[in-house]
Amino acid sequence: MARDLSDVRFLTVAEVADMMRVSRMTVYRLVHSGELPAIRFGRSFRVPESAVTQALDNHVADTA
């Protein structure tokens, strides 16, 4: 089952940190713990934008 990646927008760790208003180290911790899925390109990570919005929605829902 092939996935069409032309619609997927990938964000850098710095962009994710800005969106979530956390430090880059926090984003790296989320990626390494598996809470935030990411793809590694060379020495850098890219996170699908949909994963960030889903993570934010899940954390907001958990606190309510």
N, C-alpha and C. Protein backbone atom coordinates (compact mmCIF):
# COMPACT_ATOMS: atom_id res chain seq x y z
N MET A 1 0.85 -1.18 0.00
CA MET A 1 0.00 0.00 0.00
C MET A 1 0.90 1.25 0.00
N ALA A 2 1.00 1.89 -1.11
CA ALA A 2 1.85 3.07 -1.25
C ALA A 2 1.11 4.30 -0.75
N ARG A 3 1.84 5.16 -0.08
CA ARG A 3 1.27 6.39 0.45
C ARG A 3 1.74 7.56 -0.38
N ASP A 4 0.82 8.45 -0.70
CA ASP A 4 1.17 9.63 -1.49
C ASP A 4 1.75 10.68 -0.56
N LEU A 5 3.05 10.93 -0.66
CA LEU A 5 3.73 11.87 0.23
C LEU A 5 3.71 13.30 -0.28
N SER A 6 3.08 13.53 -1.43
CA SER A 6 3.07 14.88 -1.97
C SER A 6 2.20 15.82 -1.13
N ASP A 7 1.27 15.26 -0.35
CA ASP A 7 0.40 16.09 0.49
C ASP A 7 0.94 16.25 1.91
N VAL A 8 1.99 15.52 2.26
CA VAL A 8 2.53 15.57 3.61
C VAL A 8 3.53 16.72 3.71
N ARG A 9 3.37 17.53 4.75
CA ARG A 9 4.30 18.64 4.98
C ARG A 9 5.18 18.26 6.17
N PHE A 10 6.48 18.27 5.97
CA PHE A 10 7.41 17.92 7.02
C PHE A 10 7.99 19.18 7.64
N LEU A 11 8.14 19.17 8.96
CA LEU A 11 8.66 20.31 9.71
C LEU A 11 10.00 19.95 10.35
N THR A 12 10.84 20.95 10.50
CA THR A 12 12.10 20.74 11.22
C THR A 12 11.81 20.75 12.72
N VAL A 13 12.79 20.32 13.49
CA VAL A 13 12.65 20.31 14.95
C VAL A 13 12.43 21.73 15.46
N ALA A 14 13.11 22.70 14.89
CA ALA A 14 12.95 24.10 15.31
C ALA A 14 11.53 24.59 15.02
N GLU A 15 10.98 24.22 13.87
CA GLU A 15 9.61 24.63 13.53
C GLU A 15 8.59 23.99 14.47
N VAL A 16 8.82 22.72 14.81
CA VAL A 16 7.93 22.04 15.75
C VAL A 16 8.01 22.70 17.12
N ALA A 17 9.20 23.04 17.56
CA ALA A 17 9.38 23.70 18.85
C ALA A 17 8.64 25.04 18.88
N ASP A 18 8.69 25.79 17.79
CA ASP A 18 7.97 27.06 17.72
C ASP A 18 6.46 26.84 17.77
N MET A 19 5.98 25.83 17.05
CA MET A 19 4.54 25.54 17.04
C MET A 19 4.05 25.14 18.42
N MET A 20 4.84 24.32 19.11
CA MET A 20 4.42 23.79 20.42
C MET A 20 4.81 24.72 21.56
N ARG A 21 5.61 25.73 21.25
CA ARG A 21 6.13 26.67 22.25
C ARG A 21 6.90 25.95 23.36
N VAL A 22 7.80 25.08 22.91
CA VAL A 22 8.71 24.36 23.80
C VAL A 22 10.12 24.47 23.23
N SER A 23 11.09 23.95 23.96
CA SER A 23 12.47 24.00 23.47
C SER A 23 12.70 22.90 22.44
N ARG A 24 13.75 23.04 21.68
CA ARG A 24 14.12 22.01 20.71
C ARG A 24 14.45 20.70 21.42
N MET A 25 15.07 20.79 22.60
CA MET A 25 15.41 19.58 23.36
C MET A 25 14.16 18.81 23.73
N THR A 26 13.08 19.50 24.06
CA THR A 26 11.82 18.83 24.37
C THR A 26 11.30 18.07 23.16
N VAL A 27 11.42 18.67 21.98
CA VAL A 27 10.99 18.00 20.75
C VAL A 27 11.84 16.77 20.52
N TYR A 28 13.16 16.87 20.70
CA TYR A 28 14.03 15.70 20.54
C TYR A 28 13.64 14.60 21.52
N ARG A 29 13.30 14.97 22.75
CA ARG A 29 12.87 13.96 23.74
C ARG A 29 11.59 13.28 23.30
N LEU A 30 10.64 14.04 22.78
CA LEU A 30 9.38 13.46 22.30
C LEU A 30 9.63 12.51 21.12
N VAL A 31 10.54 12.89 20.25
CA VAL A 31 10.87 12.04 19.09
C VAL A 31 11.54 10.75 19.56
N HIS A 32 12.53 10.87 20.44
CA HIS A 32 13.27 9.69 20.89
C HIS A 32 12.42 8.76 21.75
N SER A 33 11.44 9.30 22.46
CA SER A 33 10.56 8.46 23.29
C SER A 33 9.48 7.78 22.45
N GLY A 34 9.29 8.25 21.22
CA GLY A 34 8.27 7.67 20.36
C GLY A 34 6.92 8.36 20.45
N GLU A 35 6.81 9.39 21.29
CA GLU A 35 5.55 10.13 21.42
C GLU A 35 5.25 10.98 20.18
N LEU A 36 6.29 11.35 19.48
CA LEU A 36 6.15 12.17 18.28
C LEU A 36 6.88 11.47 17.14
N PRO A 37 6.15 10.97 16.15
CA PRO A 37 6.81 10.27 15.05
C PRO A 37 7.64 11.22 14.19
N ALA A 38 8.77 10.72 13.73
CA ALA A 38 9.66 11.54 12.91
C ALA A 38 10.43 10.64 11.95
N ILE A 39 10.93 11.27 10.91
CA ILE A 39 11.77 10.59 9.93
C ILE A 39 13.15 11.22 10.01
N ARG A 40 14.15 10.39 9.97
CA ARG A 40 15.51 10.91 10.04
C ARG A 40 16.10 11.03 8.64
N PHE A 41 16.59 12.22 8.32
CA PHE A 41 17.28 12.47 7.06
C PHE A 41 18.70 12.87 7.41
N GLY A 42 19.62 11.96 7.20
CA GLY A 42 21.00 12.24 7.58
C GLY A 42 21.11 12.43 9.07
N ARG A 43 21.53 13.61 9.49
CA ARG A 43 21.67 13.89 10.92
C ARG A 43 20.51 14.69 11.48
N SER A 44 19.50 14.98 10.67
CA SER A 44 18.38 15.78 11.15
C SER A 44 17.07 15.00 11.09
N PHE A 45 16.12 15.45 11.86
CA PHE A 45 14.80 14.84 11.90
C PHE A 45 13.78 15.74 11.22
N ARG A 46 12.78 15.12 10.63
CA ARG A 46 11.63 15.85 10.07
C ARG A 46 10.37 15.20 10.63
N VAL A 47 9.46 16.05 11.07
CA VAL A 47 8.24 15.59 11.71
C VAL A 47 7.06 15.97 10.82
N PRO A 48 6.16 15.02 10.53
CA PRO A 48 4.98 15.38 9.75
C PRO A 48 4.11 16.38 10.52
N GLU A 49 3.65 17.40 9.82
CA GLU A 49 2.84 18.43 10.48
C GLU A 49 1.58 17.83 11.10
N SER A 50 1.01 16.82 10.46
CA SER A 50 -0.20 16.18 11.00
C SER A 50 0.09 15.51 12.35
N ALA A 51 1.30 15.00 12.54
CA ALA A 51 1.66 14.38 13.82
C ALA A 51 1.74 15.41 14.93
N VAL A 52 2.20 16.61 14.59
CA VAL A 52 2.29 17.68 15.59
C VAL A 52 0.89 18.12 16.01
N THR A 53 0.01 18.34 15.05
CA THR A 53 -1.35 18.77 15.41
C THR A 53 -2.07 17.67 16.18
N GLN A 54 -1.85 16.42 15.82
CA GLN A 54 -2.47 15.32 16.55
C GLN A 54 -1.93 15.24 17.99
N ALA A 55 -0.63 15.41 18.16
CA ALA A 55 -0.04 15.39 19.50
C ALA A 55 -0.58 16.52 20.36
N LEU A 56 -0.71 17.71 19.76
CA LEU A 56 -1.27 18.84 20.51
C LEU A 56 -2.73 18.58 20.89
N ASP A 57 -3.51 18.03 19.97
CA ASP A 57 -4.91 17.72 20.27
C ASP A 57 -5.02 16.68 21.38
N ASN A 58 -4.17 15.66 21.35
CA ASN A 58 -4.21 14.60 22.36
C ASN A 58 -3.82 15.12 23.73
N HIS A 59 -2.81 15.97 23.79
CA HIS A 59 -2.39 16.49 25.09
C HIS A 59 -3.41 17.45 25.67
N VAL A 60 -4.06 18.23 24.83
CA VAL A 60 -5.09 19.15 25.31
C VAL A 60 -6.28 18.34 25.81
N ALA A 61 -6.63 17.28 25.12
CA ALA A 61 -7.75 16.44 25.52
C ALA A 61 -7.45 15.70 26.82
N ASP A 62 -6.19 15.34 27.07
CA ASP A 62 -5.82 14.61 28.28
C ASP A 62 -5.97 15.47 29.52
N THR A 63 -5.79 16.78 29.41
CA THR A 63 -5.84 17.65 30.58
C THR A 63 -7.25 18.07 30.93
N ALA A 64 -8.19 17.87 30.02
CA ALA A 64 -9.55 18.32 30.28
C ALA A 64 -10.32 17.34 31.13
